């Protein structure tokens, strides 16, 4: 009985931390002026928020096949989310002609990829 309460409170704390991370991402996306800053905030906070939220579900479920699937989703998103946001940022650098007015970046050279 005590173990169930401990699992509940640990899961609730993880879920609340995930929710606060998502709220931070929303505020950060609206407060940042430039698209590269928005991408950075969204990628970092989404990855961490999903990890906390899914970890909460794993604690609630205990060790089972469903928790293993959630762990696999966490690992996939941990790799895929930063990579996809990097590709979107790379596209912004490659296609925005007014980029040097807003920030300092190295020029895009397609031959170096």
PDB file of N, CA and C in Angstrom:
ATOM      1  N   UNK A   1       0.815  -1.193   0.000  1.00  0.00           N
ATOM      2  CA  UNK A   1       0.000   0.000   0.000  1.00  0.00           C
ATOM      3  C   UNK A   1       0.860   1.259   0.000  1.00  0.00           C
ATOM      4  N   UNK A   2       1.885   1.279   0.823  1.00  0.00           N
ATOM      5  CA  UNK A   2       2.784   2.435   0.879  1.00  0.00           C
ATOM      6  C   UNK A   2       3.526   2.583  -0.449  1.00  0.00           C
ATOM      7  N   UNK A   3       3.890   1.472  -1.044  1.00  0.00           N
ATOM      8  CA  UNK A   3       4.613   1.510  -2.322  1.00  0.00           C
ATOM      9  C   UNK A   3       3.744   2.140  -3.408  1.00  0.00           C
ATOM     10  N   UNK A   4       2.462   1.853  -3.390  1.00  0.00           N
ATOM     11  CA  UNK A   4       1.551   2.448  -4.371  1.00  0.00           C
ATOM     12  C   UNK A   4       1.481   3.959  -4.215  1.00  0.00           C
ATOM     13  N   UNK A   5       1.455   4.440  -2.978  1.00  0.00           N
ATOM     14  CA  UNK A   5       1.426   5.888  -2.755  1.00  0.00           C
ATOM     15  C   UNK A   5       2.730   6.537  -3.202  1.00  0.00           C
ATOM     16  N   UNK A   6       3.831   5.873  -2.953  1.00  0.00           N
ATOM     17  CA  UNK A   6       5.126   6.418  -3.383  1.00  0.00           C
ATOM     18  C   UNK A   6       5.178   6.478  -4.905  1.00  0.00           C
ATOM     19  N   UNK A   7       4.755   5.407  -5.569  1.00  0.00           N
ATOM     20  CA  UNK A   7       4.720   5.415  -7.035  1.00  0.00           C
ATOM     21  C   UNK A   7       3.809   6.516  -7.562  1.00  0.00           C
ATOM     22  N   UNK A   8       2.657   6.712  -6.916  1.00  0.00           N
ATOM     23  CA  UNK A   8       1.728   7.750  -7.342  1.00  0.00           C
ATOM     24  C   UNK A   8       2.374   9.134  -7.225  1.00  0.00           C
ATOM     25  N   UNK A   9       3.011   9.427  -6.106  1.00  0.00           N
ATOM     26  CA  UNK A   9       3.585  10.758  -5.911  1.00  0.00           C
ATOM     27  C   UNK A   9       4.810  10.990  -6.781  1.00  0.00           C
ATOM     28  N   UNK A  10       5.588   9.957  -7.017  1.00  0.00           N
ATOM     29  CA  UNK A  10       6.720  10.097  -7.939  1.00  0.00           C
ATOM     30  C   UNK A  10       6.208  10.360  -9.353  1.00  0.00           C
ATOM     31  N   UNK A  11       5.202   9.620  -9.772  1.00  0.00           N
ATOM     32  CA  UNK A  11       4.621   9.822 -11.103  1.00  0.00           C
ATOM     33  C   UNK A  11       3.974  11.197 -11.220  1.00  0.00           C
ATOM     34  N   UNK A  12       3.295  11.643 -10.164  1.00  0.00           N
ATOM     35  CA  UNK A  12       2.671  12.971 -10.192  1.00  0.00           C
ATOM     36  C   UNK A  12       3.734  14.058 -10.288  1.00  0.00           C
ATOM     37  N   UNK A  13       4.830  13.905  -9.561  1.00  0.00           N
ATOM     38  CA  UNK A  13       5.907  14.902  -9.621  1.00  0.00           C
ATOM     39  C   UNK A  13       6.540  14.943 -11.011  1.00  0.00           C
ATOM     40  N   UNK A  14       6.773  13.772 -11.607  1.00  0.00           N
ATOM     41  CA  UNK A  14       7.339  13.737 -12.956  1.00  0.00           C
ATOM     42  C   UNK A  14       6.387  14.368 -13.972  1.00  0.00           C
ATOM     43  N   UNK A  15       5.093  14.088 -13.846  1.00  0.00           N
ATOM     44  CA  UNK A  15       4.111  14.648 -14.772  1.00  0.00           C
ATOM     45  C   UNK A  15       4.029  16.164 -14.625  1.00  0.00           C
ATOM     46  N   UNK A  16       4.067  16.667 -13.395  1.00  0.00           N
ATOM     47  CA  UNK A  16       4.038  18.117 -13.184  1.00  0.00           C
ATOM     48  C   UNK A  16       5.298  18.790 -13.725  1.00  0.00           C
ATOM     49  N   UNK A  17       6.448  18.146 -13.553  1.00  0.00           N
ATOM     50  CA  UNK A  17       7.674  18.712 -14.120  1.00  0.00           C
ATOM     51  C   UNK A  17       7.618  18.729 -15.637  1.00  0.00           C
ATOM     52  N   UNK A  18       7.046  17.678 -16.230  1.00  0.00           N
ATOM     53  CA  UNK A  18       6.869  17.661 -17.680  1.00  0.00           C
ATOM     54  C   UNK A  18       5.937  18.758 -18.143  1.00  0.00           C
ATOM     55  N   UNK A  19       4.853  18.971 -17.399  1.00  0.00           N
ATOM     56  CA  UNK A  19       3.908  20.031 -17.732  1.00  0.00           C
ATOM     57  C   UNK A  19       4.566  21.401 -17.635  1.00  0.00           C
ATOM     58  N   UNK A  20       5.357  21.625 -16.599  1.00  0.00           N
ATOM     59  CA  UNK A  20       6.064  22.899 -16.458  1.00  0.00           C
ATOM     60  C   UNK A  20       7.079  23.095 -17.580  1.00  0.00           C
ATOM     61  N   UNK A  21       7.690  22.016 -18.025  1.00  0.00           N
ATOM     62  CA  UNK A  21       8.620  22.111 -19.149  1.00  0.00           C
ATOM     63  C   UNK A  21       7.895  22.508 -20.424  1.00  0.00           C
ATOM     64  N   UNK A  22       6.726  21.937 -20.659  1.00  0.00           N
ATOM     65  CA  UNK A  22       5.932  22.312 -21.840  1.00  0.00           C
ATOM     66  C   UNK A  22       5.467  23.766 -21.760  1.00  0.00           C
ATOM     67  N   UNK A  23       5.069  24.217 -20.567  1.00  0.00           N
ATOM     68  CA  UNK A  23       4.664  25.616 -20.400  1.00  0.00           C
ATOM     69  C   UNK A  23       5.842  26.540 -20.670  1.00  0.00           C
ATOM     70  N   UNK A  24       7.026  26.157 -20.208  1.00  0.00           N
ATOM     71  CA  UNK A  24       8.235  26.940 -20.490  1.00  0.00           C
ATOM     72  C   UNK A  24       8.494  27.013 -21.983  1.00  0.00           C
ATOM     73  N   UNK A  25       8.280  25.916 -22.683  1.00  0.00           N
ATOM     74  CA  UNK A  25       8.471  25.908 -24.146  1.00  0.00           C
ATOM     75  C   UNK A  25       7.489  26.841 -24.831  1.00  0.00           C
ATOM     76  N   UNK A  26       6.243  26.828 -24.384  1.00  0.00           N
ATOM     77  CA  UNK A  26       5.236  27.699 -24.994  1.00  0.00           C
ATOM     78  C   UNK A  26       5.606  29.158 -24.783  1.00  0.00           C
ATOM     79  N   UNK A  27       5.986  29.497 -23.560  1.00  0.00           N
ATOM     80  CA  UNK A  27       6.379  30.878 -23.269  1.00  0.00           C
ATOM     81  C   UNK A  27       7.617  31.258 -24.062  1.00  0.00           C
ATOM     82  N   UNK A  28       8.582  30.352 -24.135  1.00  0.00           N
ATOM     83  CA  UNK A  28       9.808  30.630 -24.874  1.00  0.00           C
ATOM     84  C   UNK A  28       9.579  30.833 -26.358  1.00  0.00           C
ATOM     85  N   UNK A  29       8.694  30.043 -26.936  1.00  0.00           N
ATOM     86  CA  UNK A  29       8.415  30.183 -28.368  1.00  0.00           C
ATOM     87  C   UNK A  29       7.767  31.535 -28.656  1.00  0.00           C
ATOM     88  N   UNK A  30       6.891  31.979 -27.785  1.00  0.00           N
ATOM     89  CA  UNK A  30       6.237  33.263 -28.013  1.00  0.00           C
ATOM     90  C   UNK A  30       7.130  34.455 -27.680  1.00  0.00           C
ATOM     91  N   UNK A  31       8.063  34.291 -26.773  1.00  0.00           N
ATOM     92  CA  UNK A  31       8.908  35.421 -26.374  1.00  0.00           C
ATOM     93  C   UNK A  31      10.111  35.626 -27.274  1.00  0.00           C
ATOM     94  N   UNK A  32      10.591  34.571 -27.900  1.00  0.00           N
ATOM     95  CA  UNK A  32      11.776  34.696 -28.748  1.00  0.00           C
ATOM     96  C   UNK A  32      11.420  35.413 -30.044  1.00  0.00           C
ATOM     97  N   UNK A  33      12.349  36.237 -30.502  1.00  0.00           N
ATOM     98  CA  UNK A  33      12.091  37.048 -31.681  1.00  0.00           C
ATOM     99  C   UNK A  33      12.428  36.342 -32.987  1.00  0.00           C
ATOM    100  N   UNK A  34      13.428  35.507 -32.955  1.00  0.00           N
ATOM    101  CA  UNK A  34      13.924  34.957 -34.203  1.00  0.00           C
ATOM    102  C   UNK A  34      13.640  33.462 -34.286  1.00  0.00           C
ATOM    103  N   UNK A  35      13.468  32.970 -35.483  1.00  0.00           N
ATOM    104  CA  UNK A  35      13.035  31.588 -35.699  1.00  0.00           C
ATOM    105  C   UNK A  35      14.064  30.573 -35.191  1.00  0.00           C
ATOM    106  N   UNK A  36      15.345  30.850 -35.280  1.00  0.00           N
ATOM    107  CA  UNK A  36      16.346  29.894 -34.794  1.00  0.00           C
ATOM    108  C   UNK A  36      16.277  29.755 -33.273  1.00  0.00           C
ATOM    109  N   UNK A  37      16.000  30.846 -32.586  1.00  0.00           N
ATOM    110  CA  UNK A  37      15.835  30.770 -31.130  1.00  0.00           C
ATOM    111  C   UNK A  37      14.575  29.982 -30.772  1.00  0.00           C
ATOM    112  N   UNK A  38      13.520  30.178 -31.533  1.00  0.00           N
ATOM    113  CA  UNK A  38      12.286  29.438 -31.284  1.00  0.00           C
ATOM    114  C   UNK A  38      12.474  27.943 -31.493  1.00  0.00           C
ATOM    115  N   UNK A  39      13.195  27.589 -32.539  1.00  0.00           N
ATOM    116  CA  UNK A  39      13.463  26.173 -32.805  1.00  0.00           C
ATOM    117  C   UNK A  39      14.261  25.564 -31.669  1.00  0.00           C
ATOM    118  N   UNK A  40      15.229  26.293 -31.168  1.00  0.00           N
ATOM    119  CA  UNK A  40      16.077  25.788 -30.085  1.00  0.00           C
ATOM    120  C   UNK A  40      15.249  25.534 -28.825  1.00  0.00           C
ATOM    121  N   UNK A  41      14.426  26.500 -28.453  1.00  0.00           N
ATOM    122  CA  UNK A  41      13.595  26.343 -27.259  1.00  0.00           C
ATOM    123  C   UNK A  41      12.623  25.181 -27.423  1.00  0.00           C
ATOM    124  N   UNK A  42      11.983  25.116 -28.571  1.00  0.00           N
ATOM    125  CA  UNK A  42      10.997  24.063 -28.788  1.00  0.00           C
ATOM    126  C   UNK A  42      11.638  22.676 -28.764  1.00  0.00           C
ATOM    127  N   UNK A  43      12.793  22.533 -29.381  1.00  0.00           N
ATOM    128  CA  UNK A  43      13.439  21.222 -29.440  1.00  0.00           C
ATOM    129  C   UNK A  43      13.893  20.759 -28.066  1.00  0.00           C
ATOM    130  N   UNK A  44      14.531  21.627 -27.319  1.00  0.00           N
ATOM    131  CA  UNK A  44      15.034  21.237 -25.999  1.00  0.00           C
ATOM    132  C   UNK A  44      13.893  20.926 -25.031  1.00  0.00           C
ATOM    133  N   UNK A  45      12.923  21.818 -24.975  1.00  0.00           N
ATOM    134  CA  UNK A  45      11.837  21.630 -24.007  1.00  0.00           C
ATOM    135  C   UNK A  45      10.918  20.472 -24.387  1.00  0.00           C
ATOM    136  N   UNK A  46      10.661  20.283 -25.670  1.00  0.00           N
ATOM    137  CA  UNK A  46       9.817  19.160 -26.075  1.00  0.00           C
ATOM    138  C   UNK A  46      10.469  17.823 -25.743  1.00  0.00           C
ATOM    139  N   UNK A  47      11.748  17.723 -26.018  1.00  0.00           N
ATOM    140  CA  UNK A  47      12.452  16.471 -25.730  1.00  0.00           C
ATOM    141  C   UNK A  47      12.443  16.175 -24.235  1.00  0.00           C
ATOM    142  N   UNK A  48      12.752  17.174 -23.430  1.00  0.00           N
ATOM    143  CA  UNK A  48      12.798  16.964 -21.978  1.00  0.00           C
ATOM    144  C   UNK A  48      11.398  16.758 -21.400  1.00  0.00           C
ATOM    145  N   UNK A  49      10.416  17.517 -21.885  1.00  0.00           N
ATOM    146  CA  UNK A  49       9.050  17.372 -21.393  1.00  0.00           C
ATOM    147  C   UNK A  49       8.453  16.018 -21.719  1.00  0.00           C
ATOM    148  N   UNK A  50       8.694  15.526 -22.937  1.00  0.00           N
ATOM    149  CA  UNK A  50       8.211  14.190 -23.295  1.00  0.00           C
ATOM    150  C   UNK A  50       8.891  13.111 -22.462  1.00  0.00           C
ATOM    151  N   UNK A  51      10.188  13.298 -22.203  1.00  0.00           N
ATOM    152  CA  UNK A  51      10.892  12.315 -21.387  1.00  0.00           C
ATOM    153  C   UNK A  51      10.294  12.265 -19.977  1.00  0.00           C
ATOM    154  N   UNK A  52      10.020  13.431 -19.389  1.00  0.00           N
ATOM    155  CA  UNK A  52       9.440  13.451 -18.044  1.00  0.00           C
ATOM    156  C   UNK A  52       8.019  12.882 -18.028  1.00  0.00           C
ATOM    157  N   UNK A  53       7.203  13.256 -18.998  1.00  0.00           N
ATOM    158  CA  UNK A  53       5.820  12.780 -19.035  1.00  0.00           C
ATOM    159  C   UNK A  53       5.740  11.275 -19.248  1.00  0.00           C
ATOM    160  N   UNK A  54       6.528  10.769 -20.181  1.00  0.00           N
ATOM    161  CA  UNK A  54       6.517   9.325 -20.426  1.00  0.00           C
ATOM    162  C   UNK A  54       7.151   8.553 -19.270  1.00  0.00           C
ATOM    163  N   UNK A  55       8.136   9.146 -18.607  1.00  0.00           N
ATOM    164  CA  UNK A  55       8.703   8.500 -17.416  1.00  0.00           C
ATOM    165  C   UNK A  55       7.647   8.383 -16.322  1.00  0.00           C
ATOM    166  N   UNK A  56       6.795   9.386 -16.214  1.00  0.00           N
ATOM    167  CA  UNK A  56       5.696   9.324 -15.262  1.00  0.00           C
ATOM    168  C   UNK A  56       4.767   8.147 -15.572  1.00  0.00           C
ATOM    169  N   UNK A  57       4.454   7.975 -16.854  1.00  0.00           N
ATOM    170  CA  UNK A  57       3.597   6.852 -17.234  1.00  0.00           C
ATOM    171  C   UNK A  57       4.274   5.514 -16.973  1.00  0.00           C
ATOM    172  N   UNK A  58       5.585   5.452 -17.162  1.00  0.00           N
ATOM    173  CA  UNK A  58       6.314   4.212 -16.880  1.00  0.00           C
ATOM    174  C   UNK A  58       6.253   3.885 -15.393  1.00  0.00           C
ATOM    175  N   UNK A  59       6.392   4.907 -14.533  1.00  0.00           N
ATOM    176  CA  UNK A  59       6.309   4.676 -13.089  1.00  0.00           C
ATOM    177  C   UNK A  59       4.921   4.179 -12.703  1.00  0.00           C
ATOM    178  N   UNK A  60       3.888   4.767 -13.285  1.00  0.00           N
ATOM    179  CA  UNK A  60       2.517   4.333 -12.972  1.00  0.00           C
ATOM    180  C   UNK A  60       2.273   2.900 -13.431  1.00  0.00           C
ATOM    181  N   UNK A  61       2.743   2.555 -14.652  1.00  0.00           N
ATOM    182  CA  UNK A  61       2.488   1.218 -15.188  1.00  0.00           C
ATOM    183  C   UNK A  61       3.328   0.141 -14.523  1.00  0.00           C
ATOM    184  N   UNK A  62       4.484   0.492 -13.997  1.00  0.00           N
ATOM    185  CA  UNK A  62       5.409  -0.520 -13.503  1.00  0.00           C
ATOM    186  C   UNK A  62       6.116  -1.165 -14.687  1.00  0.00           C
ATOM    187  N   UNK A  63       6.894  -2.190 -14.422  1.00  0.00           N
ATOM    188  CA  UNK A  63       7.617  -2.847 -15.514  1.00  0.00           C
ATOM    189  C   UNK A  63       6.696  -3.801 -16.244  1.00  0.00           C
ATOM    190  N   UNK A  64       6.426  -3.467 -17.500  1.00  0.00           N
ATOM    191  CA  UNK A  64       5.560  -4.295 -18.330  1.00  0.00           C
ATOM    192  C   UNK A  64       5.924  -4.066 -19.788  1.00  0.00           C
ATOM    193  N   UNK A  65       5.199  -4.713 -20.668  1.00  0.00           N
ATOM    194  CA  UNK A  65       5.450  -4.519 -22.100  1.00  0.00           C
ATOM    195  C   UNK A  65       5.112  -3.090 -22.527  1.00  0.00           C
ATOM    196  N   UNK A  66       4.065  -2.518 -21.929  1.00  0.00           N
ATOM    197  CA  UNK A  66       3.686  -1.140 -22.261  1.00  0.00           C
ATOM    198  C   UNK A  66       4.764  -0.154 -21.819  1.00  0.00           C
ATOM    199  N   UNK A  67       5.362  -0.377 -20.645  1.00  0.00           N
ATOM    200  CA  UNK A  67       6.413   0.524 -20.187  1.00  0.00           C
ATOM    201  C   UNK A  67       7.675   0.383 -21.046  1.00  0.00           C
ATOM    202  N   UNK A  68       7.920  -0.818 -21.550  1.00  0.00           N
ATOM    203  CA  UNK A  68       9.044  -1.002 -22.466  1.00  0.00           C
ATOM    204  C   UNK A  68       8.805  -0.243 -23.771  1.00  0.00           C
ATOM    205  N   UNK A  69       7.576  -0.261 -24.265  1.00  0.00           N
ATOM    206  CA  UNK A  69       7.234   0.497 -25.468  1.00  0.00           C
ATOM    207  C   UNK A  69       7.403   1.998 -25.233  1.00  0.00           C
ATOM    208  N   UNK A  70       6.975   2.476 -24.068  1.00  0.00           N
ATOM    209  CA  UNK A  70       7.155   3.892 -23.743  1.00  0.00           C
ATOM    210  C   UNK A  70       8.631   4.258 -23.656  1.00  0.00           C
ATOM    211  N   UNK A  71       9.425   3.367 -23.116  1.00  0.00           N
ATOM    212  CA  UNK A  71      10.871   3.607 -23.052  1.00  0.00           C
ATOM    213  C   UNK A  71      11.477   3.677 -24.451  1.00  0.00           C
ATOM    214  N   UNK A  72      11.020   2.820 -25.342  1.00  0.00           N
ATOM    215  CA  UNK A  72      11.497   2.860 -26.729  1.00  0.00           C
ATOM    216  C   UNK A  72      11.088   4.171 -27.414  1.00  0.00           C
ATOM    217  N   UNK A  73       9.874   4.655 -27.119  1.00  0.00           N
ATOM    218  CA  UNK A  73       9.428   5.930 -27.679  1.00  0.00           C
ATOM    219  C   UNK A  73      10.286   7.071 -27.146  1.00  0.00           C
ATOM    220  N   UNK A  74      10.608   7.030 -25.853  1.00  0.00           N
ATOM    221  CA  UNK A  74      11.484   8.057 -25.274  1.00  0.00           C
ATOM    222  C   UNK A  74      12.822   8.064 -25.992  1.00  0.00           C
ATOM    223  N   UNK A  75      13.411   6.894 -26.204  1.00  0.00           N
ATOM    224  CA  UNK A  75      14.711   6.816 -26.874  1.00  0.00           C
ATOM    225  C   UNK A  75      14.636   7.319 -28.313  1.00  0.00           C
ATOM    226  N   UNK A  76      13.569   6.958 -29.015  1.00  0.00           N
ATOM    227  CA  UNK A  76      13.413   7.423 -30.392  1.00  0.00           C
ATOM    228  C   UNK A  76      13.278   8.942 -30.445  1.00  0.00           C
ATOM    229  N   UNK A  77      12.420   9.504 -29.584  1.00  0.00           N
ATOM    230  CA  UNK A  77      12.224  10.950 -29.596  1.00  0.00           C
ATOM    231  C   UNK A  77      13.460  11.698 -29.115  1.00  0.00           C
ATOM    232  N   UNK A  78      14.216  11.090 -28.221  1.00  0.00           N
ATOM    233  CA  UNK A  78      15.441  11.698 -27.723  1.00  0.00           C
ATOM    234  C   UNK A  78      16.456  11.874 -28.856  1.00  0.00           C
ATOM    235  N   UNK A  79      16.416  10.973 -29.821  1.00  0.00           N
ATOM    236  CA  UNK A  79      17.308  11.076 -30.984  1.00  0.00           C
ATOM    237  C   UNK A  79      16.675  11.899 -32.103  1.00  0.00           C
ATOM    238  N   UNK A  80      15.409  11.645 -32.400  1.00  0.00           N
ATOM    239  CA  UNK A  80      14.785  12.244 -33.587  1.00  0.00           C
ATOM    240  C   UNK A  80      14.449  13.723 -33.429  1.00  0.00           C
ATOM    241  N   UNK A  81      14.004  14.156 -32.263  1.00  0.00           N
ATOM    242  CA  UNK A  81      13.578  15.537 -32.101  1.00  0.00           C
ATOM    243  C   UNK A  81      14.724  16.535 -32.283  1.00  0.00           C
ATOM    244  N   UNK A  82      15.878  16.381 -31.654  1.00  0.00           N
ATOM    245  CA  UNK A  82      16.971  17.329 -31.909  1.00  0.00           C
ATOM    246  C   UNK A  82      17.491  17.280 -33.347  1.00  0.00           C
ATOM    247  N   UNK A  83      17.501  16.098 -33.938  1.00  0.00           N
ATOM    248  CA  UNK A  83      17.983  15.988 -35.317  1.00  0.00           C
ATOM    249  C   UNK A  83      17.032  16.701 -36.273  1.00  0.00           C
ATOM    250  N   UNK A  84      15.734  16.508 -36.100  1.00  0.00           N
ATOM    251  CA  UNK A  84      14.784  17.174 -36.993  1.00  0.00           C
ATOM    252  C   UNK A  84      14.799  18.683 -36.802  1.00  0.00           C
ATOM    253  N   UNK A  85      14.929  19.153 -35.584  1.00  0.00           N
ATOM    254  CA  UNK A  85      14.999  20.606 -35.378  1.00  0.00           C
ATOM    255  C   UNK A  85      16.297  21.170 -35.939  1.00  0.00           C
ATOM    256  N   UNK A  86      17.375  20.405 -35.897  1.00  0.00           N
ATOM    257  CA  UNK A  86      18.617  20.850 -36.518  1.00  0.00           C
ATOM    258  C   UNK A  86      18.451  20.977 -38.030  1.00  0.00           C
ATOM    259  N   UNK A  87      17.754  20.032 -38.638  1.00  0.00           N
ATOM    260  CA  UNK A  87      17.537  20.103 -40.083  1.00  0.00           C
ATOM    261  C   UNK A  87      16.658  21.297 -40.467  1.00  0.00           C
ATOM    262  N   UNK A  88      15.660  21.598 -39.648  1.00  0.00           N
ATOM    263  CA  UNK A  88      14.820  22.771 -39.916  1.00  0.00           C
ATOM    264  C   UNK A  88      15.646  24.051 -39.769  1.00  0.00           C
ATOM    265  N   UNK A  89      16.492  24.117 -38.757  1.00  0.00           N
ATOM    266  CA  UNK A  89      17.360  25.284 -38.582  1.00  0.00           C
ATOM    267  C   UNK A  89      18.359  25.394 -39.729  1.00  0.00           C
ATOM    268  N   UNK A  90      18.865  24.277 -40.176  1.00  0.00           N
ATOM    269  CA  UNK A  90      19.798  24.268 -41.311  1.00  0.00           C
ATOM    270  C   UNK A  90      19.107  24.782 -42.574  1.00  0.00           C
ATOM    271  N   UNK A  91      17.852  24.396 -42.778  1.00  0.00           N
ATOM    272  CA  UNK A  91      17.100  24.887 -43.920  1.00  0.00           C
ATOM    273  C   UNK A  91      16.877  26.403 -43.818  1.00  0.00           C
ATOM    274  N   UNK A  92      16.606  26.891 -42.618  1.00  0.00           N
ATOM    275  CA  UNK A  92      16.415  28.332 -42.416  1.00  0.00           C
ATOM    276  C   UNK A  92      17.689  29.098 -42.752  1.00  0.00           C
ATOM    277  N   UNK A  93      18.814  28.580 -42.330  1.00  0.00           N
ATOM    278  CA  UNK A  93      20.091  29.230 -42.636  1.00  0.00           C
ATOM    279  C   UNK A  93      20.350  29.204 -44.135  1.00  0.00           C
ATOM    280  N   UNK A  94      19.991  28.122 -44.795  1.00  0.00           N
ATOM    281  CA  UNK A  94      20.263  27.985 -46.227  1.00  0.00           C
ATOM    282  C   UNK A  94      19.340  28.828 -47.089  1.00  0.00           C
ATOM    283  N   UNK A  95      18.124  29.110 -46.639  1.00  0.00           N
ATOM    284  CA  UNK A  95      17.144  29.763 -47.509  1.00  0.00           C
ATOM    285  C   UNK A  95      16.819  31.204 -47.151  1.00  0.00           C
ATOM    286  N   UNK A  96      17.229  31.679 -45.999  1.00  0.00           N
ATOM    287  CA  UNK A  96      16.877  33.034 -45.589  1.00  0.00           C
ATOM    288  C   UNK A  96      17.953  34.015 -46.053  1.00  0.00           C
ATOM    289  N   UNK A  97      17.642  34.906 -47.007  1.00  0.00           N
ATOM    290  CA  UNK A  97      18.660  35.842 -47.488  1.00  0.00           C
ATOM    291  C   UNK A  97      18.954  36.970 -46.497  1.00  0.00           C
ATOM    292  N   UNK A  98      18.040  37.262 -45.585  1.00  0.00           N
ATOM    293  CA  UNK A  98      18.232  38.345 -44.623  1.00  0.00           C
ATOM    294  C   UNK A  98      18.746  37.845 -43.279  1.00  0.00           C
ATOM    295  N   UNK A  99      19.343  36.691 -43.256  1.00  0.00           N
ATOM    296  CA  UNK A  99      19.772  36.084 -42.007  1.00  0.00           C
ATOM    297  C   UNK A  99      20.878  36.886 -41.326  1.00  0.00           C
ATOM    298  N   UNK A 100      21.784  37.452 -42.100  1.00  0.00           N
ATOM    299  CA  UNK A 100      22.905  38.180 -41.505  1.00  0.00           C
ATOM    300  C   UNK A 100      22.455  39.483 -40.859  1.00  0.00           C
ATOM    301  N   UNK A 101      21.270  39.971 -41.181  1.00  0.00           N
ATOM    302  CA  UNK A 101      20.753  41.169 -40.512  1.00  0.00           C
ATOM    303  C   UNK A 101      20.341  40.869 -39.073  1.00  0.00           C
ATOM    304  N   UNK A 102      19.897  39.651 -38.813  1.00  0.00           N
ATOM    305  CA  UNK A 102      19.380  39.295 -37.496  1.00  0.00           C
ATOM    306  C   UNK A 102      20.391  38.598 -36.595  1.00  0.00           C
ATOM    307  N   UNK A 103      21.275  37.788 -37.168  1.00  0.00           N
ATOM    308  CA  UNK A 103      22.222  37.057 -36.333  1.00  0.00           C
ATOM    309  C   UNK A 103      23.494  36.764 -37.127  1.00  0.00           C
ATOM    310  N   UNK A 104      24.492  36.276 -36.426  1.00  0.00           N
ATOM    311  CA  UNK A 104      25.776  35.984 -37.050  1.00  0.00           C
ATOM    312  C   UNK A 104      25.900  34.467 -37.256  1.00  0.00           C
ATOM    313  N   UNK A 105      25.946  34.058 -38.517  1.00  0.00           N
ATOM    314  CA  UNK A 105      26.116  32.645 -38.851  1.00  0.00           C
ATOM    315  C   UNK A 105      27.168  32.527 -39.935  1.00  0.00           C
ATOM    316  N   UNK A 106      27.737  31.355 -40.047  1.00  0.00           N
ATOM    317  CA  UNK A 106      28.680  31.125 -41.139  1.00  0.00           C
ATOM    318  C   UNK A 106      27.897  30.889 -42.416  1.00  0.00           C
ATOM    319  N   UNK A 107      28.411  31.303 -43.543  1.00  0.00           N
ATOM    320  CA  UNK A 107      27.665  31.111 -44.797  1.00  0.00           C
ATOM    321  C   UNK A 107      27.465  29.631 -45.103  1.00  0.00           C
ATOM    322  N   UNK A 108      26.355  29.353 -45.732  1.00  0.00           N
ATOM    323  CA  UNK A 108      26.009  27.976 -46.094  1.00  0.00           C
ATOM    324  C   UNK A 108      26.753  27.577 -47.346  1.00  0.00           C
ATOM    325  N   UNK A 109      27.426  26.438 -47.277  1.00  0.00           N
ATOM    326  CA  UNK A 109      28.132  25.909 -48.431  1.00  0.00           C
ATOM    327  C   UNK A 109      27.660  24.477 -48.635  1.00  0.00           C
ATOM    328  N   UNK A 110      26.864  24.211 -49.695  1.00  0.00           N
ATOM    329  CA  UNK A 110      26.320  22.863 -49.883  1.00  0.00           C
ATOM    330  C   UNK A 110      27.378  21.799 -50.190  1.00  0.00           C
ATOM    331  N   UNK A 111      28.566  22.223 -50.603  1.00  0.00           N
ATOM    332  CA  UNK A 111      29.601  21.238 -50.923  1.00  0.00           C
ATOM    333  C   UNK A 111      30.235  20.643 -49.686  1.00  0.00           C
ATOM    334  N   UNK A 112      30.076  21.270 -48.530  1.00  0.00           N
ATOM    335  CA  UNK A 112      30.685  20.738 -47.307  1.00  0.00           C
ATOM    336  C   UNK A 112      29.815  19.718 -46.585  1.00  0.00           C
ATOM    337  N   UNK A 113      28.582  19.524 -47.031  1.00  0.00           N
ATOM    338  CA  UNK A 113      27.693  18.558 -46.358  1.00  0.00           C
ATOM    339  C   UNK A 113      28.007  17.149 -46.712  1.00  0.00           C
TER     340      UNK A 113
END
